[in-house]
Amino acid sequence: MAPLNAILTEEQIATIDPFDRPQLAYAISVCRESRSLSEAGRKLFAVSREKKANRPNDADRLRKYLAKFDLSFDAIR
């Protein structure tokens, strides 16, 4: 869980369900290798976005996901 340890304190990590930690760690990794929130969102939601008739705003979707953990794209980058 190196991405989590680089961004969050042990106390913060302890408040996140073990089930959610790998998913959040992956999202953080994708954000770090992406140039923008939109690019990261497109990568993370690539499959589910293809199933929707109208294209969702992947950046907003990712922003809301990160906010659940009091994180932002800028803070991760």
N, C-alpha and C. Protein backbone atom coordinates (compact mmCIF):
# COMPACT_ATOMS: atom_id res chain seq x y z
N MET A 1 0.81 -1.19 0.00
CA MET A 1 0.00 0.00 0.00
C MET A 1 0.86 1.26 0.00
N ALA A 2 1.95 1.24 -0.69
CA ALA A 2 2.87 2.37 -0.73
C ALA A 2 2.18 3.68 -1.13
N PRO A 3 1.28 3.68 -2.14
CA PRO A 3 0.64 4.95 -2.49
C PRO A 3 -0.15 5.55 -1.32
N LEU A 4 -0.77 4.70 -0.53
CA LEU A 4 -1.53 5.21 0.61
C LEU A 4 -0.60 5.82 1.65
N ASN A 5 0.50 5.13 1.95
CA ASN A 5 1.44 5.61 2.94
C ASN A 5 2.10 6.92 2.52
N ALA A 6 2.23 7.15 1.23
CA ALA A 6 2.85 8.38 0.75
C ALA A 6 1.92 9.58 0.87
N ILE A 7 0.62 9.34 0.93
CA ILE A 7 -0.38 10.41 0.93
C ILE A 7 -1.05 10.58 2.29
N LEU A 8 -1.33 9.47 2.94
CA LEU A 8 -2.11 9.49 4.18
C LEU A 8 -1.27 9.07 5.38
N THR A 9 -1.68 9.52 6.55
CA THR A 9 -1.04 9.09 7.78
C THR A 9 -1.57 7.71 8.15
N GLU A 10 -0.89 7.05 9.07
CA GLU A 10 -1.36 5.75 9.55
C GLU A 10 -2.75 5.87 10.18
N GLU A 11 -2.99 6.98 10.87
CA GLU A 11 -4.29 7.21 11.50
C GLU A 11 -5.40 7.32 10.44
N GLN A 12 -5.09 8.02 9.34
CA GLN A 12 -6.08 8.16 8.27
C GLN A 12 -6.34 6.81 7.60
N ILE A 13 -5.28 6.06 7.35
CA ILE A 13 -5.43 4.74 6.72
C ILE A 13 -6.27 3.82 7.60
N ALA A 14 -6.09 3.92 8.90
CA ALA A 14 -6.83 3.07 9.83
C ALA A 14 -8.34 3.34 9.77
N THR A 15 -8.75 4.49 9.27
CA THR A 15 -10.18 4.81 9.17
C THR A 15 -10.81 4.32 7.87
N ILE A 16 -10.00 3.74 6.99
CA ILE A 16 -10.49 3.24 5.70
C ILE A 16 -10.64 1.73 5.78
N ASP A 17 -11.77 1.24 5.34
CA ASP A 17 -12.01 -0.20 5.35
C ASP A 17 -10.93 -0.92 4.56
N PRO A 18 -10.48 -2.07 5.04
CA PRO A 18 -9.48 -2.84 4.30
C PRO A 18 -9.91 -3.16 2.87
N PHE A 19 -11.19 -3.33 2.66
CA PHE A 19 -11.72 -3.60 1.32
C PHE A 19 -11.44 -2.43 0.37
N ASP A 20 -11.50 -1.20 0.87
CA ASP A 20 -11.34 -0.01 0.04
C ASP A 20 -9.88 0.39 -0.20
N ARG A 21 -8.98 -0.07 0.63
CA ARG A 21 -7.58 0.36 0.54
C ARG A 21 -6.91 0.04 -0.80
N PRO A 22 -7.01 -1.20 -1.33
CA PRO A 22 -6.36 -1.47 -2.62
C PRO A 22 -6.93 -0.63 -3.76
N GLN A 23 -8.23 -0.42 -3.76
CA GLN A 23 -8.87 0.39 -4.80
C GLN A 23 -8.37 1.83 -4.73
N LEU A 24 -8.31 2.38 -3.53
CA LEU A 24 -7.83 3.75 -3.36
C LEU A 24 -6.35 3.84 -3.74
N ALA A 25 -5.55 2.86 -3.36
CA ALA A 25 -4.13 2.85 -3.72
C ALA A 25 -3.96 2.86 -5.24
N TYR A 26 -4.78 2.08 -5.94
CA TYR A 26 -4.72 2.04 -7.40
C TYR A 26 -5.13 3.39 -7.99
N ALA A 27 -6.18 3.98 -7.47
CA ALA A 27 -6.62 5.29 -7.95
C ALA A 27 -5.53 6.33 -7.76
N ILE A 28 -4.86 6.29 -6.63
CA ILE A 28 -3.76 7.23 -6.37
C ILE A 28 -2.63 7.02 -7.39
N SER A 29 -2.29 5.77 -7.67
CA SER A 29 -1.24 5.47 -8.65
C SER A 29 -1.59 6.01 -10.03
N VAL A 30 -2.84 5.80 -10.43
CA VAL A 30 -3.28 6.30 -11.74
C VAL A 30 -3.24 7.82 -11.77
N CYS A 31 -3.67 8.47 -10.70
CA CYS A 31 -3.63 9.93 -10.64
C CYS A 31 -2.20 10.44 -10.77
N ARG A 32 -1.28 9.78 -10.12
CA ARG A 32 0.12 10.22 -10.16
C ARG A 32 0.74 10.09 -11.53
N GLU A 33 0.28 9.14 -12.33
CA GLU A 33 0.86 8.97 -13.66
C GLU A 33 0.06 9.69 -14.75
N SER A 34 -0.99 10.38 -14.36
CA SER A 34 -1.84 11.09 -15.33
C SER A 34 -1.55 12.59 -15.28
N ARG A 35 -1.73 13.23 -16.43
CA ARG A 35 -1.48 14.67 -16.52
C ARG A 35 -2.62 15.50 -15.97
N SER A 36 -3.82 14.92 -15.95
CA SER A 36 -4.98 15.69 -15.50
C SER A 36 -5.99 14.78 -14.81
N LEU A 37 -6.91 15.40 -14.11
CA LEU A 37 -7.99 14.67 -13.46
C LEU A 37 -8.84 13.95 -14.51
N SER A 38 -9.08 14.60 -15.64
CA SER A 38 -9.88 13.99 -16.71
C SER A 38 -9.20 12.75 -17.27
N GLU A 39 -7.90 12.84 -17.50
CA GLU A 39 -7.16 11.68 -18.02
C GLU A 39 -7.21 10.52 -17.04
N ALA A 40 -7.02 10.80 -15.77
CA ALA A 40 -7.09 9.76 -14.74
C ALA A 40 -8.48 9.14 -14.69
N GLY A 41 -9.51 9.97 -14.77
CA GLY A 41 -10.88 9.47 -14.76
C GLY A 41 -11.17 8.56 -15.94
N ARG A 42 -10.69 8.95 -17.11
CA ARG A 42 -10.90 8.11 -18.31
C ARG A 42 -10.23 6.75 -18.15
N LYS A 43 -9.04 6.74 -17.55
CA LYS A 43 -8.34 5.47 -17.34
C LYS A 43 -9.07 4.60 -16.31
N LEU A 44 -9.48 5.20 -15.23
CA LEU A 44 -10.09 4.45 -14.14
C LEU A 44 -11.48 3.92 -14.47
N PHE A 45 -12.23 4.67 -15.27
CA PHE A 45 -13.61 4.29 -15.57
C PHE A 45 -13.79 3.88 -17.03
N ALA A 46 -12.74 3.36 -17.64
CA ALA A 46 -12.74 3.05 -19.07
C ALA A 46 -13.84 2.07 -19.46
N VAL A 47 -14.07 1.05 -18.67
CA VAL A 47 -15.06 0.03 -19.04
C VAL A 47 -16.47 0.52 -18.78
N SER A 48 -16.71 1.06 -17.59
CA SER A 48 -18.08 1.48 -17.25
C SER A 48 -18.54 2.65 -18.11
N ARG A 49 -17.62 3.50 -18.54
CA ARG A 49 -18.03 4.65 -19.37
C ARG A 49 -18.51 4.20 -20.75
N GLU A 50 -17.99 3.08 -21.25
CA GLU A 50 -18.40 2.57 -22.56
C GLU A 50 -19.82 2.02 -22.52
N LYS A 51 -20.29 1.61 -21.36
CA LYS A 51 -21.61 1.02 -21.23
C LYS A 51 -22.72 2.06 -21.11
N LYS A 52 -22.34 3.32 -20.93
CA LYS A 52 -23.35 4.36 -20.72
C LYS A 52 -23.66 5.06 -22.04
N ALA A 53 -24.92 5.36 -22.24
CA ALA A 53 -25.36 6.02 -23.48
C ALA A 53 -24.80 7.44 -23.57
N ASN A 54 -24.96 8.19 -22.49
CA ASN A 54 -24.36 9.52 -22.49
C ASN A 54 -23.11 9.46 -21.63
N ARG A 55 -22.04 10.02 -22.14
CA ARG A 55 -20.74 9.92 -21.47
C ARG A 55 -20.76 10.68 -20.15
N PRO A 56 -20.45 9.99 -19.08
CA PRO A 56 -20.39 10.66 -17.78
C PRO A 56 -19.17 11.57 -17.69
N ASN A 57 -19.20 12.46 -16.75
CA ASN A 57 -18.06 13.31 -16.51
C ASN A 57 -17.11 12.55 -15.59
N ASP A 58 -16.12 11.89 -16.19
CA ASP A 58 -15.21 11.04 -15.43
C ASP A 58 -14.40 11.84 -14.43
N ALA A 59 -14.05 13.07 -14.76
CA ALA A 59 -13.29 13.91 -13.83
C ALA A 59 -14.12 14.18 -12.57
N ASP A 60 -15.38 14.50 -12.75
CA ASP A 60 -16.25 14.76 -11.60
C ASP A 60 -16.46 13.49 -10.78
N ARG A 61 -16.60 12.40 -11.46
CA ARG A 61 -16.78 11.11 -10.79
C ARG A 61 -15.55 10.78 -9.93
N LEU A 62 -14.36 11.00 -10.47
CA LEU A 62 -13.13 10.75 -9.73
C LEU A 62 -12.97 11.76 -8.60
N ARG A 63 -13.29 13.01 -8.87
CA ARG A 63 -13.20 14.05 -7.83
C ARG A 63 -14.06 13.67 -6.62
N LYS A 64 -15.28 13.21 -6.87
CA LYS A 64 -16.17 12.80 -5.78
C LYS A 64 -15.65 11.56 -5.06
N TYR A 65 -15.09 10.63 -5.80
CA TYR A 65 -14.52 9.43 -5.18
C TYR A 65 -13.37 9.82 -4.24
N LEU A 66 -12.47 10.65 -4.70
CA LEU A 66 -11.34 11.07 -3.87
C LEU A 66 -11.80 11.88 -2.65
N ALA A 67 -12.83 12.67 -2.84
CA ALA A 67 -13.36 13.49 -1.74
C ALA A 67 -13.88 12.63 -0.60
N LYS A 68 -14.37 11.43 -0.90
CA LYS A 68 -14.82 10.52 0.16
C LYS A 68 -13.71 10.24 1.16
N PHE A 69 -12.46 10.37 0.70
CA PHE A 69 -11.31 10.10 1.55
C PHE A 69 -10.54 11.40 1.88
N ASP A 70 -11.21 12.53 1.69
CA ASP A 70 -10.62 13.85 1.92
C ASP A 70 -9.35 14.06 1.11
N LEU A 71 -9.37 13.61 -0.13
CA LEU A 71 -8.25 13.77 -1.03
C LEU A 71 -8.67 14.57 -2.26
N SER A 72 -7.69 15.11 -2.94
CA SER A 72 -7.93 15.80 -4.21
C SER A 72 -6.81 15.40 -5.19
N PHE A 73 -7.08 15.58 -6.45
CA PHE A 73 -6.08 15.27 -7.48
C PHE A 73 -4.82 16.09 -7.24
N ASP A 74 -4.99 17.37 -6.95
CA ASP A 74 -3.82 18.24 -6.73
C ASP A 74 -2.99 17.78 -5.54
N ALA A 75 -3.65 17.35 -4.47
CA ALA A 75 -2.92 16.88 -3.29
C ALA A 75 -2.14 15.61 -3.59
N ILE A 76 -2.68 14.77 -4.44
CA ILE A 76 -2.00 13.52 -4.82
C ILE A 76 -0.80 13.80 -5.71
N ARG A 77 -0.97 14.73 -6.61
CA ARG A 77 0.10 15.06 -7.55
C ARG A 77 1.19 15.82 -6.85
